[in-house]
Protein backbone atom coordinates (compact mmCIF):
# COMPACT_ATOMS: atom_id res chain seq x y z
CA MET A 1 -31.10 -18.71 8.80
CA PRO A 2 -31.18 -15.14 7.41
CA HIS A 3 -32.24 -14.78 3.78
CA TYR A 4 -29.73 -11.99 3.20
CA ILE A 5 -25.95 -11.60 3.18
CA ALA A 6 -23.94 -9.03 5.14
CA GLU A 7 -20.27 -9.51 6.03
CA ARG A 8 -18.98 -7.15 8.67
CA LEU A 9 -15.59 -5.58 8.11
CA PRO A 10 -12.90 -6.59 10.61
CA ALA A 11 -11.66 -3.66 12.69
CA GLU A 12 -8.33 -3.78 10.83
CA ASP A 13 -10.11 -3.12 7.53
CA ALA A 14 -12.74 -0.71 8.85
CA SER A 15 -10.03 1.49 10.34
CA TYR A 16 -9.08 2.68 6.84
CA LEU A 17 -12.58 4.08 6.42
CA LEU A 18 -12.07 6.07 9.63
CA PHE A 19 -8.67 7.27 8.48
CA GLU A 20 -10.14 8.66 5.28
CA SER A 21 -10.81 12.39 5.05
CA PRO A 22 -11.71 14.82 2.27
CA ASN A 23 -7.99 15.26 1.58
CA ALA A 24 -6.59 11.85 2.56
CA HIS A 25 -8.08 9.27 0.20
CA MET A 26 -7.41 5.72 1.40
CA HIS A 27 -7.10 3.94 -1.91
CA LEU A 28 -4.10 2.04 -3.19
CA ALA A 29 -3.19 2.40 -6.85
CA TRP A 30 -1.11 0.72 -9.53
CA VAL A 31 0.06 1.83 -12.95
CA TRP A 32 0.58 -1.13 -15.26
CA VAL A 33 2.15 -0.47 -18.66
CA PHE A 34 1.47 -3.01 -21.43
CA GLU A 35 2.63 -3.73 -24.93
CA GLY A 36 -0.30 -3.43 -27.31
CA GLY A 37 -0.62 -7.01 -28.56
CA SER A 38 -3.85 -7.72 -30.41
CA LEU A 39 -5.64 -5.21 -28.15
CA ALA A 40 -3.97 -2.38 -30.12
CA ARG A 41 -6.22 -1.04 -32.89
CA PRO A 42 -4.98 0.31 -36.23
CA ASP A 43 -6.02 3.85 -35.24
CA GLY A 44 -3.74 3.73 -32.19
CA GLY A 45 -6.52 3.01 -29.70
CA VAL A 46 -7.20 0.00 -27.47
CA ASP A 47 -9.98 -2.59 -27.69
CA ILE A 48 -11.70 -1.52 -24.48
CA GLU A 49 -14.66 -3.87 -24.96
CA ALA A 50 -12.36 -6.90 -25.08
CA ILE A 51 -10.76 -5.74 -21.83
CA ARG A 52 -14.19 -5.26 -20.22
CA ARG A 53 -15.22 -8.78 -21.26
CA HIS A 54 -11.98 -10.15 -19.82
CA VAL A 55 -12.49 -8.32 -16.50
CA ALA A 56 -16.12 -9.50 -16.35
CA ALA A 57 -14.97 -13.11 -16.80
CA ARG A 58 -12.48 -12.80 -13.91
CA LEU A 59 -14.69 -11.03 -11.36
CA PHE A 60 -15.70 -14.34 -9.77
CA ARG A 61 -12.18 -14.37 -8.28
CA PHE A 62 -12.84 -11.10 -6.44
CA PRO A 63 -16.27 -11.22 -4.72
CA ARG A 64 -15.64 -7.85 -3.01
CA PHE A 65 -15.54 -6.18 -6.42
CA ARG A 66 -19.33 -6.59 -6.71
CA GLN A 67 -20.10 -5.58 -3.14
CA ARG A 68 -20.74 -2.17 -1.63
CA LEU A 69 -20.75 -0.86 1.93
CA ALA A 70 -23.83 -0.84 4.14
CA TRP A 71 -23.87 0.80 7.57
CA THR A 72 -25.57 -0.41 10.71
CA PRO A 73 -28.07 2.02 12.28
CA ILE A 74 -26.99 3.86 15.46
CA GLU A 75 -23.56 2.14 15.59
CA GLY A 76 -22.56 3.10 12.06
CA ARG A 77 -20.47 -0.05 11.58
CA PRO A 78 -19.70 -1.04 7.97
CA ALA A 79 -20.59 -4.34 6.33
CA TRP A 80 -20.24 -5.75 2.82
CA VAL A 81 -23.45 -6.45 0.86
CA ASP A 82 -23.92 -7.38 -2.79
CA ASP A 83 -24.49 -4.38 -5.06
CA GLU A 84 -27.77 -5.13 -6.84
CA GLY A 85 -27.12 -2.22 -9.22
CA PHE A 86 -23.57 -3.25 -10.14
CA LYS A 87 -22.46 -1.96 -13.57
CA LEU A 88 -19.06 -2.99 -14.85
CA ARG A 89 -18.90 -0.06 -17.27
CA TYR A 90 -18.79 2.36 -14.33
CA HIS A 91 -15.73 0.65 -12.85
CA VAL A 92 -13.77 -0.10 -16.05
CA GLN A 93 -13.26 3.30 -17.65
CA HIS A 94 -11.45 4.48 -20.78
CA ALA A 95 -9.19 7.49 -21.35
CA ALA A 96 -6.47 8.68 -23.75
CA VAL A 97 -3.20 10.51 -23.14
CA PRO A 98 -2.88 13.69 -25.25
CA GLU A 99 -0.28 13.63 -28.00
CA PRO A 100 2.60 12.95 -28.11
CA GLY A 101 1.64 10.41 -25.42
CA ASP A 102 4.91 10.48 -23.52
CA GLU A 103 5.44 9.44 -19.88
CA ALA A 104 5.18 13.03 -18.65
CA ARG A 105 1.61 13.28 -19.97
CA LEU A 106 0.79 9.84 -18.62
CA ARG A 107 1.96 10.94 -15.16
CA ILE A 108 -0.31 13.99 -15.35
CA MET A 109 -3.30 11.80 -16.22
CA VAL A 110 -2.50 9.28 -13.49
CA SER A 111 -2.15 12.15 -11.00
CA SER A 112 -5.68 13.30 -11.88
CA ILE A 113 -7.12 9.79 -11.58
CA VAL A 114 -5.59 9.03 -8.16
CA SER A 115 -6.63 12.46 -6.83
CA GLN A 116 -10.31 11.53 -7.00
CA PRO A 117 -11.86 9.64 -4.05
CA LEU A 118 -13.81 6.46 -4.62
CA ASP A 119 -17.61 6.62 -4.42
CA ARG A 120 -18.66 4.86 -1.20
CA SER A 121 -22.14 4.13 -2.57
CA LYS A 122 -20.56 1.71 -5.10
CA PRO A 123 -17.97 -1.08 -4.95
CA LEU A 124 -14.71 0.58 -3.94
CA TRP A 125 -12.54 0.07 -7.01
CA GLU A 126 -11.85 1.48 -10.45
CA LEU A 127 -9.79 0.34 -13.43
CA TRP A 128 -8.82 2.93 -16.04
CA VAL A 129 -7.54 1.86 -19.47
CA VAL A 130 -5.34 4.66 -20.83
CA GLU A 131 -4.40 4.55 -24.51
CA GLY A 132 -2.20 6.79 -26.66
CA LEU A 133 1.28 5.74 -25.44
CA PRO A 134 4.18 5.38 -27.91
CA GLU A 135 4.77 2.13 -29.82
CA GLY A 136 1.13 1.08 -29.43
CA ARG A 137 1.44 0.63 -25.67
CA PHE A 138 -1.28 1.38 -23.15
CA ALA A 139 -1.57 1.67 -19.39
CA VAL A 140 -4.01 0.35 -16.82
CA VAL A 141 -4.52 2.40 -13.67
CA THR A 142 -6.17 0.54 -10.79
CA LYS A 143 -7.62 2.07 -7.62
CA ILE A 144 -8.68 -0.15 -4.71
CA HIS A 145 -9.74 1.05 -1.28
CA HIS A 146 -7.43 0.01 1.53
CA CYS A 147 -10.40 -1.50 3.43
CA MET A 148 -10.55 -4.16 0.69
CA MET A 149 -6.86 -4.98 0.28
CA ASP A 150 -3.46 -3.94 1.54
CA GLY A 151 -0.49 -3.31 -0.71
CA ARG A 152 0.77 -6.86 -0.77
CA SER A 153 -2.63 -8.42 -1.35
CA THR A 154 -3.22 -6.15 -4.35
CA VAL A 155 -0.73 -8.41 -6.11
CA SER A 156 -3.53 -11.00 -6.06
CA LEU A 157 -5.41 -8.65 -8.38
CA MET A 158 -2.49 -8.73 -10.80
CA LYS A 159 -2.32 -12.50 -10.60
CA GLY A 160 -6.09 -12.88 -10.95
CA LEU A 161 -6.50 -10.61 -13.98
CA LEU A 162 -3.23 -11.37 -15.75
CA ASP A 163 -1.88 -14.69 -17.04
CA ALA A 164 1.59 -16.15 -17.47
CA THR A 165 0.57 -17.45 -20.90
CA PRO A 166 -0.80 -15.07 -23.55
CA ARG A 167 -4.50 -15.52 -24.30
CA ALA A 168 -6.06 -14.54 -27.63
CA LEU A 169 -9.69 -14.06 -26.59
CA PRO A 170 -11.56 -13.28 -23.37
CA GLU A 171 -13.30 -16.10 -21.54
CA GLU A 172 -17.06 -16.18 -21.18
CA ALA A 173 -18.31 -14.51 -18.01
CA ALA A 174 -20.41 -16.62 -15.65
CA GLU A 175 -23.84 -15.32 -14.69
CA TRP A 176 -23.88 -13.42 -11.40
CA ILE A 177 -27.00 -13.13 -9.26
CA PRO A 178 -26.70 -10.65 -6.36
CA ARG A 179 -27.75 -11.89 -2.95
CA PRO A 180 -30.36 -9.85 -1.04
CA ALA A 181 -29.08 -7.05 1.17
CA PRO A 182 -30.40 -6.73 4.75
CA GLY A 183 -32.63 -3.89 5.84
CA PRO A 184 -31.77 -1.44 8.65
CA GLY A 185 -33.54 -3.55 11.29
CA ALA A 186 -31.60 -6.69 10.44
CA LEU A 187 -28.32 -4.77 10.39
CA LEU A 188 -29.05 -3.29 13.81
CA ARG A 189 -29.98 -6.66 15.32
CA ASP A 190 -26.89 -8.38 13.93
CA GLY A 191 -24.75 -5.47 15.10
CA LEU A 192 -25.97 -5.79 18.69
CA VAL A 193 -25.30 -9.54 18.63
CA GLU A 194 -21.81 -8.90 17.28
CA ARG A 195 -21.13 -6.28 19.95
CA ALA A 196 -22.08 -8.73 22.70
CA ARG A 197 -19.89 -11.44 21.20
CA VAL A 198 -16.89 -9.10 20.97
CA ALA A 199 -17.39 -7.97 24.57
CA VAL A 200 -17.21 -11.61 25.70
CA GLN A 201 -14.06 -12.13 23.62
CA ALA A 202 -12.50 -9.03 25.16
CA ALA A 203 -13.24 -10.29 28.67
CA GLN A 204 -11.76 -13.70 27.86
CA ALA A 205 -8.66 -12.14 26.32
CA SER A 206 -8.20 -9.91 29.37
CA ALA A 207 -8.39 -12.93 31.66
CA ARG A 208 -5.74 -14.75 29.62
CA TRP A 209 -3.44 -11.71 29.61
CA LEU A 210 -3.72 -11.23 33.37
CA GLY A 211 -3.46 -14.92 34.18
CA GLY A 212 -0.47 -15.46 31.92
CA GLY A 213 1.41 -12.36 32.98
CA ALA A 214 0.83 -10.70 29.59
CA TRP A 215 -0.26 -7.57 31.45
CA ARG A 216 3.43 -6.73 31.70
CA ASP A 217 3.57 -6.67 27.88
CA ALA A 218 0.46 -4.51 27.88
CA VAL A 219 2.10 -1.99 30.21
CA ASP A 220 5.28 -1.93 28.11
CA VAL A 221 3.39 -1.51 24.85
CA GLY A 222 1.10 1.09 26.37
CA SER A 223 4.16 3.06 27.44
CA GLU A 224 5.51 2.87 23.89
CA PHE A 225 2.20 4.14 22.58
CA VAL A 226 2.15 7.09 24.98
CA ARG A 227 5.71 8.02 24.05
CA ALA A 228 4.85 7.89 20.33
CA ALA A 229 1.70 9.96 20.84
CA LEU A 230 3.43 12.64 22.89
CA ALA A 231 6.57 12.85 20.75
CA PRO A 232 5.70 14.16 17.28
CA PRO A 233 8.03 13.27 14.41
CA PRO A 234 10.71 15.77 13.35
CA GLU A 235 9.47 18.70 11.33
CA THR A 236 10.15 18.45 7.58
CA PRO A 237 9.00 20.41 4.52
CA PHE A 238 6.70 17.51 3.51
CA ASN A 239 4.97 16.94 6.87
CA ARG A 240 2.10 19.40 6.98
CA PRO A 241 -1.65 19.25 6.23
CA ILE A 242 -2.22 17.98 2.71
CA GLY A 243 -4.80 18.94 0.11
CA PRO A 244 -6.79 16.60 -2.16
CA HIS A 245 -4.58 16.87 -5.26
CA ARG A 246 -1.82 14.38 -5.99
CA MET A 247 1.23 14.30 -8.17
CA VAL A 248 2.83 10.97 -9.07
CA SER A 249 6.10 9.85 -10.55
CA TRP A 250 8.00 6.61 -10.84
CA VAL A 251 11.48 5.14 -11.04
CA ARG A 252 12.71 1.85 -12.48
CA ALA A 253 16.01 0.14 -11.66
CA PRO A 254 17.40 -3.28 -12.69
CA LEU A 255 16.51 -5.72 -9.93
CA LEU A 256 19.41 -8.04 -10.76
CA GLU A 257 21.95 -5.28 -10.12
CA LEU A 258 20.44 -4.51 -6.73
CA GLU A 259 20.36 -8.19 -5.79
CA ARG A 260 23.98 -8.70 -6.84
CA ALA A 261 25.10 -5.66 -4.85
CA ALA A 262 23.14 -6.84 -1.82
CA LEU A 263 24.61 -10.33 -2.08
CA ARG A 264 28.20 -9.09 -2.44
CA GLY A 265 27.94 -6.80 0.58
CA GLY A 266 25.77 -9.08 2.72
CA PHE A 267 22.89 -6.58 2.75
CA THR A 268 19.25 -6.82 1.72
CA VAL A 269 17.63 -5.09 -1.23
CA GLN A 270 15.34 -3.33 1.25
CA GLU A 271 18.33 -1.88 3.10
CA ILE A 272 19.81 -0.60 -0.17
CA ALA A 273 16.48 0.97 -1.10
CA LEU A 274 16.05 2.67 2.29
CA ALA A 275 19.59 4.05 2.16
CA ALA A 276 18.71 5.50 -1.26
CA VAL A 277 15.51 7.01 0.15
CA SER A 278 17.56 8.59 2.94
CA GLY A 279 19.87 10.14 0.35
CA ALA A 280 17.00 11.46 -1.77
CA VAL A 281 15.34 13.01 1.29
CA MET A 282 18.70 14.55 2.25
CA ARG A 283 18.83 16.22 -1.17
CA LEU A 284 15.22 17.40 -0.81
CA LEU A 285 16.02 18.99 2.55
CA ALA A 286 19.13 20.65 1.11
CA ARG A 287 17.07 22.24 -1.70
CA SER A 288 14.61 23.49 0.92
CA ARG A 289 17.46 24.74 3.12
CA ARG A 290 16.00 22.78 6.01
CA ARG A 291 17.56 20.53 8.62
CA VAL A 292 15.55 18.16 10.80
CA THR A 293 16.07 17.73 14.52
CA GLY A 294 18.51 14.92 15.20
CA ASP A 295 19.29 14.60 11.47
CA GLU A 296 16.87 11.66 11.26
CA ILE A 297 13.33 11.06 10.06
CA ARG A 298 10.90 8.39 11.26
CA VAL A 299 9.72 5.96 8.61
CA VAL A 300 7.18 3.12 8.65
CA VAL A 301 8.58 0.11 6.79
CA PRO A 302 7.40 -3.49 6.33
CA VAL A 303 9.52 -5.93 8.31
CA THR A 304 9.87 -9.67 7.97
CA GLY A 305 10.75 -11.48 11.19
CA PRO A 306 10.93 -15.14 12.24
CA SER A 307 7.19 -15.39 12.98
CA ALA A 308 5.87 -12.79 10.55
CA GLY A 309 4.70 -15.35 8.00
CA PRO A 310 1.77 -16.98 9.85
CA ARG A 311 0.52 -13.65 11.20
CA ALA A 312 0.79 -11.88 7.85
CA ALA A 313 -1.16 -14.66 6.16
CA ALA A 314 -4.07 -14.40 8.57
CA THR A 315 -5.89 -11.64 6.71
CA ALA A 316 -5.58 -9.50 3.60
CA ASN A 317 -4.92 -6.34 5.63
CA ARG A 318 -2.19 -7.58 7.97
CA THR A 319 1.50 -6.82 7.58
CA ASP A 320 4.23 -6.64 10.19
CA ALA A 321 5.78 -3.19 10.21
CA ALA A 322 8.09 -1.09 12.30
CA VAL A 323 8.92 2.58 12.75
CA VAL A 324 12.63 3.13 12.14
CA SER A 325 14.83 6.23 12.15
CA LEU A 326 16.67 6.91 8.90
CA PRO A 327 19.66 9.26 8.68
CA VAL A 328 19.17 12.26 6.39
CA ALA A 329 22.44 14.14 6.96
CA LEU A 330 25.05 11.50 6.10
CA GLY A 331 26.58 12.42 2.77
CA ASP A 332 28.94 9.45 2.99
CA VAL A 333 26.99 6.65 1.31
CA ARG A 334 28.85 3.88 3.14
CA ARG A 335 28.16 5.36 6.56
CA ARG A 336 24.53 5.89 5.63
CA LEU A 337 24.15 2.27 4.47
CA ARG A 338 25.71 0.99 7.69
CA ALA A 339 23.32 3.16 9.76
CA VAL A 340 20.30 1.85 7.85
CA THR A 341 21.54 -1.72 8.23
CA ARG A 342 21.85 -1.27 11.98
CA VAL A 343 18.30 0.06 12.51
CA MET A 344 16.78 -2.57 10.22
CA SER A 345 18.59 -5.40 12.01
CA GLU A 346 17.17 -4.12 15.28
CA ALA A 347 13.67 -3.82 13.80
CA ARG A 348 13.73 -7.44 12.60
CA ARG A 349 14.08 -8.77 16.13
CA GLU A 350 11.04 -10.71 17.22
CA GLU A 351 10.33 -8.56 20.27
CA ARG A 352 9.83 -5.42 18.18
CA LEU A 353 7.45 -7.19 15.81
CA HIS A 354 5.48 -8.70 18.69
CA ASN A 355 5.03 -5.35 20.41
CA PHE A 356 3.89 -3.56 17.28
CA ASP A 357 1.45 -6.33 16.41
CA PHE A 358 0.14 -6.43 19.99
CA LEU A 359 -0.57 -2.71 19.96
CA LEU A 360 -2.49 -3.00 16.69
CA GLN A 361 -4.62 -5.73 18.28
CA VAL A 362 -5.45 -3.45 21.19
CA ALA A 363 -6.37 -0.56 18.89
CA GLY A 364 -8.40 -2.85 16.64
CA LEU A 365 -10.33 -4.23 19.60
CA GLY A 366 -11.29 -0.69 20.59
CA GLY A 367 -12.71 -0.16 17.11
CA ARG A 368 -14.72 -3.40 17.23
CA LEU A 369 -16.34 -2.20 20.44
CA GLY A 370 -17.33 1.03 18.71
CA LEU A 371 -14.58 3.14 20.27
CA GLY A 372 -13.58 5.32 17.35
CA ALA A 373 -10.74 6.79 19.36
CA GLY A 374 -9.13 3.37 19.56
CA LEU A 375 -8.86 3.20 15.79
CA ALA A 376 -8.06 6.85 15.27
CA ALA A 377 -5.19 6.45 17.71
CA ARG A 378 -3.50 4.06 15.29
CA ARG A 379 -2.78 6.91 12.95
CA ARG A 380 -1.09 8.77 15.74
CA LEU A 381 0.76 5.60 16.75
CA TYR A 382 2.95 5.73 13.69
CA GLY A 383 4.33 9.16 14.69
CA CYS A 384 6.26 9.11 11.44
CA ASN A 385 7.38 11.37 8.62
CA LEU A 386 7.10 8.90 5.78
CA VAL A 387 5.65 5.52 4.82
CA VAL A 388 7.74 3.31 2.52
CA GLY A 389 5.82 0.30 1.19
CA GLU A 390 7.31 -2.86 -0.26
CA ILE A 391 5.25 -5.13 -2.54
CA PRO A 392 6.82 -8.21 -4.14
CA GLY A 393 5.31 -8.94 -7.55
CA PRO A 394 5.68 -11.75 -10.12
CA ARG A 395 9.24 -12.59 -11.13
CA THR A 396 8.22 -13.67 -14.64
CA PRO A 397 6.17 -11.89 -17.35
CA VAL A 398 2.37 -11.79 -17.17
CA HIS A 399 -0.18 -10.74 -19.80
CA LEU A 400 -3.55 -9.03 -20.17
CA LEU A 401 -4.95 -11.34 -22.85
CA ASP A 402 -1.90 -11.27 -25.18
CA ALA A 403 -0.59 -7.84 -24.14
CA ARG A 404 2.61 -8.27 -22.13
CA LEU A 405 3.04 -6.29 -18.92
CA VAL A 406 6.33 -4.37 -19.08
CA ALA A 407 6.20 -2.20 -15.94
CA ALA A 408 4.20 -2.08 -12.69
CA TYR A 409 4.35 0.92 -10.32
CA PRO A 410 2.53 0.87 -6.94
CA PHE A 411 1.21 3.92 -5.06
CA ILE A 412 0.17 4.13 -1.41
CA PRO A 413 -2.25 6.68 0.11
CA LEU A 414 -1.04 9.73 1.99
CA LEU A 415 -2.13 10.45 5.55
CA ASP A 416 -3.41 13.89 6.52
CA ASP A 417 -0.02 15.22 7.57
CA GLN A 418 2.24 13.32 5.16
CA GLY A 419 2.79 14.98 1.81
CA LEU A 420 5.04 12.25 0.40
CA GLY A 421 4.84 8.46 0.15
CA LEU A 422 6.85 5.74 -1.63
CA ALA A 423 6.26 2.12 -2.53
CA PHE A 424 8.75 -0.36 -4.03
CA SER A 425 7.75 -3.37 -6.10
CA THR A 426 9.52 -6.14 -7.99
CA TYR A 427 8.36 -7.44 -11.36
CA ASP A 428 10.09 -9.40 -14.13
CA GLY A 429 13.63 -8.23 -13.44
CA GLY A 430 12.68 -4.66 -12.57
CA TYR A 431 12.66 -2.78 -9.29
CA HIS A 432 9.76 -0.34 -9.63
CA VAL A 433 9.17 2.63 -7.33
CA GLY A 434 5.92 4.59 -7.22
CA LEU A 435 6.08 8.09 -5.73
CA ALA A 436 3.00 10.03 -4.64
CA ALA A 437 2.95 13.53 -3.20
CA ASP A 438 0.72 16.49 -2.50
CA TRP A 439 1.39 18.66 -5.53
CA GLU A 440 1.78 21.84 -3.46
CA ILE A 441 3.89 20.37 -0.65
CA VAL A 442 6.36 18.56 -2.94
CA PRO A 443 6.17 20.44 -6.25
CA ASP A 444 9.60 19.15 -7.32
CA LEU A 445 8.62 15.46 -7.24
CA GLU A 446 10.34 14.81 -10.59
CA THR A 447 13.61 16.10 -9.15
CA PHE A 448 13.11 13.84 -6.12
CA ALA A 449 12.54 10.89 -8.47
CA ARG A 450 15.78 11.63 -10.35
CA ASP A 451 17.63 11.95 -7.05
CA LEU A 452 16.29 8.58 -5.93
CA ARG A 453 17.52 6.91 -9.12
CA VAL A 454 20.97 8.44 -8.66
CA GLU A 455 21.05 7.34 -5.01
CA LEU A 456 20.08 3.77 -5.90
CA ASP A 457 23.11 3.57 -8.20
CA ALA A 458 25.38 5.12 -5.57
CA VAL A 459 24.22 2.79 -2.79
CA CYS A 460 24.58 -0.27 -5.04
CA GLU A 461 28.17 0.72 -5.74
CA ALA A 462 28.86 1.27 -2.04
CA ALA A 463 27.20 -2.03 -1.05
CA SER A 464 29.47 -3.92 -3.43
CA ALA A 465 32.58 -2.35 -1.96
CA ILE A 466 32.12 -2.68 1.81
CA PRO A 467 31.67 -5.65 4.13
CA ARG A 468 28.70 -5.80 6.40
CA VAL A 469 29.60 -4.88 9.98
CA VAL A 470 26.22 -5.36 11.71
CA PRO A 471 25.19 -8.89 12.84
CA ARG A 472 22.20 -10.25 10.96
CA ASP A 473 20.72 -12.22 13.89
CA GLY A 474 20.44 -15.24 11.63
CA ASP A 475 18.71 -13.42 8.76
CA ALA A 476 19.93 -14.28 5.27
CA ALA A 477 20.52 -11.46 2.79
CA ARG A 478 18.05 -11.30 -0.02
């Protein structure tokens, strides 16, 4: 038995390290806004030491948060090892919004925080406590590398750090003793053993595919991949090489109103949201005096199908998704909602989900065998203009000690040629949207955010007034 610990990253997780570049930082972020509670000090500050003690007491729930990356010699494959020099103070940082502490200044500070890449020599997360907001409120900005968690699994961080019942004092932190990290020789030996094991698995999988006729699926999916790789997405003002600097904004809408509108019209909240995104992008294009080929853009969206549950639960970085075409030239809200409904109904069919998942398995296998091109190809696979995330959060209030969480905005990373990204989240009766953009490519992000809020209201009104005309294939509206 080895006297050290080293956990190799699955190809799905390691791919996000390959996707990262000096300008495309692969961390996910949240902005949580809290009421002050007893953490608010008389001078308007926040008791940062109480928060650090609370985080220290909860770290046992997140072993990765005290681990760093180690790399195998020659192969350069990543593995998790305990960070013997772990210092909580480095990861839980403290800042203050300049007066008057309004949301505009908070957005500027958050933009600066999310623009900085995480240090790969340390555990890949940060938590910033930002004080100085009106009415004694404060914000917490979290950054977690995508190789550790995906958007949906970051909700586990919220549930692990925050409690449904207010708590007056932090718990006592348990002692943590780091496990020894392997040396280069041990990493190389284990890497060669792993490579041989994966090669055997690949041969066995190939035999099953050929024997069971799955090669036909492989040919079909391979053809889809080639078409996606050779057909770039439509040109838009926000699809060009990005820089390292981000700008963020956010939007909040009443979740109950969206759910009622969806229920009355037989739609889903996701369909209403995507129709609103289409309208906001249409307005952005109009301001730029641009029109895209085919009057559609390609968007990656999460999709829930009949068998998505077991697959999505298999690992923290696994979500069924599809690339759909959204209309961006339909000024008639009802027509636009019907068009979005049609493409989403098609995307929810099991065959589409199976093919997309199958292709990710093929690309991931290439990465496990050390074929960087196999993983890099996954970026090209998307062939999309925009990624729209969806992260369901708690439906009831949660607290940091006794400070109540009042808003939670998620932010997804931008790829090298995507200057705009959106993520939707639900929390305690609110529908929260986090917007991230390259600050030079989309300088009018605040205008885009206002447009999105207006479009959400317009689509809700339209959804309440029209019957659904596209079959749901057995799906229930939500």
